[in-house]
């Protein structure tokens, strides 16, 4: 399944792979920190959107959308199957864009 907890792993992995492909400095920053902080991922998303277009931002927003909701400090509930299904086309688009870009010779 494309969505996993915590947050949506597919979206993160696509963004990280594209950052490595384009040799973005944020990859080194993540290595230095020992992890990918959301602020680094957001910075990469902005840079990728400049190169690859708005599909990156749209897919990122959908991919990183919450799968559980809180109210008053308690889990209100999780998205049902239908709610996840309507988000899948955006994630598939991000995955396909990532595959196509990684297969290309375009760098920097």
C-alpha atoms as a PDB file:
ATOM      1  CA  UNK A   1       0.000   0.000   0.000  1.00  0.00           C
ATOM      2  CA  UNK A   2       1.269   3.495  -0.760  1.00  0.00           C
ATOM      3  CA  UNK A   3       0.445   4.979   2.626  1.00  0.00           C
ATOM      4  CA  UNK A   4       2.147   4.044   5.858  1.00  0.00           C
ATOM      5  CA  UNK A   5       2.490   5.376   9.369  1.00  0.00           C
ATOM      6  CA  UNK A   6       4.047   7.606  10.588  1.00  0.00           C
ATOM      7  CA  UNK A   7       3.206  10.040   7.854  1.00  0.00           C
ATOM      8  CA  UNK A   8       3.332   8.749   4.344  1.00  0.00           C
ATOM      9  CA  UNK A   9       6.568   6.996   3.654  1.00  0.00           C
ATOM     10  CA  UNK A  10       6.137   6.880  -0.133  1.00  0.00           C
ATOM     11  CA  UNK A  11       6.052  10.668  -0.394  1.00  0.00           C
ATOM     12  CA  UNK A  12       9.141  11.032   1.807  1.00  0.00           C
ATOM     13  CA  UNK A  13      11.097   8.381  -0.061  1.00  0.00           C
ATOM     14  CA  UNK A  14      10.314   9.944  -3.446  1.00  0.00           C
ATOM     15  CA  UNK A  15      11.414  13.379  -2.262  1.00  0.00           C
ATOM     16  CA  UNK A  16      14.619  11.992  -0.740  1.00  0.00           C
ATOM     17  CA  UNK A  17      15.432  10.012  -3.911  1.00  0.00           C
ATOM     18  CA  UNK A  18      14.926  13.090  -6.073  1.00  0.00           C
ATOM     19  CA  UNK A  19      17.100  15.177  -3.731  1.00  0.00           C
ATOM     20  CA  UNK A  20      19.888  12.621  -4.119  1.00  0.00           C
ATOM     21  CA  UNK A  21      19.388  12.505  -7.887  1.00  0.00           C
ATOM     22  CA  UNK A  22      19.832  16.264  -8.171  1.00  0.00           C
ATOM     23  CA  UNK A  23      22.612  16.273  -5.560  1.00  0.00           C
ATOM     24  CA  UNK A  24      20.851  18.819  -3.366  1.00  0.00           C
ATOM     25  CA  UNK A  25      22.810  20.061  -0.364  1.00  0.00           C
ATOM     26  CA  UNK A  26      19.944  18.998   1.899  1.00  0.00           C
ATOM     27  CA  UNK A  27      21.081  15.378   1.460  1.00  0.00           C
ATOM     28  CA  UNK A  28      24.360  16.243   3.191  1.00  0.00           C
ATOM     29  CA  UNK A  29      22.452  18.209   5.843  1.00  0.00           C
ATOM     30  CA  UNK A  30      20.304  15.137   6.550  1.00  0.00           C
ATOM     31  CA  UNK A  31      23.388  12.935   6.766  1.00  0.00           C
ATOM     32  CA  UNK A  32      25.006  15.375   9.199  1.00  0.00           C
ATOM     33  CA  UNK A  33      21.847  15.384  11.363  1.00  0.00           C
ATOM     34  CA  UNK A  34      21.422  11.642  11.110  1.00  0.00           C
ATOM     35  CA  UNK A  35      17.854  12.033   9.844  1.00  0.00           C
ATOM     36  CA  UNK A  36      15.599  13.914   7.463  1.00  0.00           C
ATOM     37  CA  UNK A  37      13.832  16.695   9.325  1.00  0.00           C
ATOM     38  CA  UNK A  38      10.535  17.958   7.917  1.00  0.00           C
ATOM     39  CA  UNK A  39      12.150  21.364   7.361  1.00  0.00           C
ATOM     40  CA  UNK A  40      14.747  19.768   5.065  1.00  0.00           C
ATOM     41  CA  UNK A  41      12.085  17.837   3.174  1.00  0.00           C
ATOM     42  CA  UNK A  42      10.022  21.007   2.737  1.00  0.00           C
ATOM     43  CA  UNK A  43      13.047  22.864   1.388  1.00  0.00           C
ATOM     44  CA  UNK A  44      13.670  20.044  -1.097  1.00  0.00           C
ATOM     45  CA  UNK A  45      10.015  20.060  -2.172  1.00  0.00           C
ATOM     46  CA  UNK A  46      10.239  23.780  -3.004  1.00  0.00           C
ATOM     47  CA  UNK A  47      13.423  23.249  -5.007  1.00  0.00           C
ATOM     48  CA  UNK A  48      11.964  20.250  -6.837  1.00  0.00           C
ATOM     49  CA  UNK A  49       8.803  22.185  -7.689  1.00  0.00           C
ATOM     50  CA  UNK A  50      10.966  24.791  -9.426  1.00  0.00           C
ATOM     51  CA  UNK A  51      12.474  22.040 -11.587  1.00  0.00           C
ATOM     52  CA  UNK A  52       9.627  19.589 -12.032  1.00  0.00           C
ATOM     53  CA  UNK A  53       6.501  21.680 -11.569  1.00  0.00           C
ATOM     54  CA  UNK A  54       3.555  21.924  -9.248  1.00  0.00           C
ATOM     55  CA  UNK A  55       2.834  18.186  -9.331  1.00  0.00           C
ATOM     56  CA  UNK A  56       5.559  17.818  -6.701  1.00  0.00           C
ATOM     57  CA  UNK A  57       3.890  20.199  -4.261  1.00  0.00           C
ATOM     58  CA  UNK A  58       0.403  18.829  -4.918  1.00  0.00           C
ATOM     59  CA  UNK A  59       1.518  15.230  -4.411  1.00  0.00           C
ATOM     60  CA  UNK A  60       3.565  16.164  -1.345  1.00  0.00           C
ATOM     61  CA  UNK A  61       0.597  17.873   0.284  1.00  0.00           C
ATOM     62  CA  UNK A  62      -1.635  14.871  -0.365  1.00  0.00           C
ATOM     63  CA  UNK A  63       1.072  12.364   0.559  1.00  0.00           C
ATOM     64  CA  UNK A  64       1.931  14.028   3.819  1.00  0.00           C
ATOM     65  CA  UNK A  65      -1.686  14.635   4.780  1.00  0.00           C
ATOM     66  CA  UNK A  66      -2.748  13.235   8.100  1.00  0.00           C
ATOM     67  CA  UNK A  67      -3.983   9.665   8.282  1.00  0.00           C
ATOM     68  CA  UNK A  68      -5.237  10.076  11.851  1.00  0.00           C
ATOM     69  CA  UNK A  69      -7.033  12.999  13.405  1.00  0.00           C
ATOM     70  CA  UNK A  70      -6.811  14.279  16.950  1.00  0.00           C
ATOM     71  CA  UNK A  71      -9.460  16.074  18.946  1.00  0.00           C
ATOM     72  CA  UNK A  72      -8.941  17.148  22.529  1.00  0.00           C
ATOM     73  CA  UNK A  73      -5.736  15.125  22.753  1.00  0.00           C
ATOM     74  CA  UNK A  74      -7.382  11.856  21.682  1.00  0.00           C
ATOM     75  CA  UNK A  75      -7.270  10.060  18.344  1.00  0.00           C
ATOM     76  CA  UNK A  76     -10.525  10.952  16.648  1.00  0.00           C
ATOM     77  CA  UNK A  77     -10.115   8.264  14.027  1.00  0.00           C
ATOM     78  CA  UNK A  78      -8.227   7.137  10.960  1.00  0.00           C
ATOM     79  CA  UNK A  79      -9.016   7.715   7.335  1.00  0.00           C
ATOM     80  CA  UNK A  80     -11.182   4.985   5.922  1.00  0.00           C
ATOM     81  CA  UNK A  81     -10.356   3.031   2.783  1.00  0.00           C
ATOM     82  CA  UNK A  82     -12.270   5.387   0.501  1.00  0.00           C
ATOM     83  CA  UNK A  83     -10.472   8.440   1.895  1.00  0.00           C
ATOM     84  CA  UNK A  84      -7.137   6.773   1.194  1.00  0.00           C
ATOM     85  CA  UNK A  85      -8.225   5.656  -2.294  1.00  0.00           C
ATOM     86  CA  UNK A  86      -9.027   9.211  -3.408  1.00  0.00           C
ATOM     87  CA  UNK A  87      -5.472  10.230  -2.462  1.00  0.00           C
ATOM     88  CA  UNK A  88      -3.788   7.424  -4.405  1.00  0.00           C
ATOM     89  CA  UNK A  89      -3.743   9.093  -7.859  1.00  0.00           C
ATOM     90  CA  UNK A  90      -1.644  11.967  -6.492  1.00  0.00           C
ATOM     91  CA  UNK A  91       0.773   9.523  -4.892  1.00  0.00           C
ATOM     92  CA  UNK A  92       0.985   7.443  -8.065  1.00  0.00           C
ATOM     93  CA  UNK A  93       1.767  10.640  -9.960  1.00  0.00           C
ATOM     94  CA  UNK A  94       4.614  11.453  -7.554  1.00  0.00           C
ATOM     95  CA  UNK A  95       5.981   7.921  -7.842  1.00  0.00           C
ATOM     96  CA  UNK A  96       5.825   8.008 -11.653  1.00  0.00           C
ATOM     97  CA  UNK A  97       7.442  11.451 -11.769  1.00  0.00           C
ATOM     98  CA  UNK A  98      10.199  10.139  -9.506  1.00  0.00           C
ATOM     99  CA  UNK A  99      10.775   7.027 -11.654  1.00  0.00           C
ATOM    100  CA  UNK A 100      10.858   9.071 -14.866  1.00  0.00           C
ATOM    101  CA  UNK A 101      13.234  11.658 -13.384  1.00  0.00           C
ATOM    102  CA  UNK A 102      15.581   9.066 -11.892  1.00  0.00           C
ATOM    103  CA  UNK A 103      15.712   7.261 -15.234  1.00  0.00           C
ATOM    104  CA  UNK A 104      16.623  10.470 -17.055  1.00  0.00           C
ATOM    105  CA  UNK A 105      20.108  11.837 -17.413  1.00  0.00           C
ATOM    106  CA  UNK A 106      19.003  15.243 -16.125  1.00  0.00           C
ATOM    107  CA  UNK A 107      21.035  16.322 -13.112  1.00  0.00           C
ATOM    108  CA  UNK A 108      21.662  19.658 -11.472  1.00  0.00           C
END
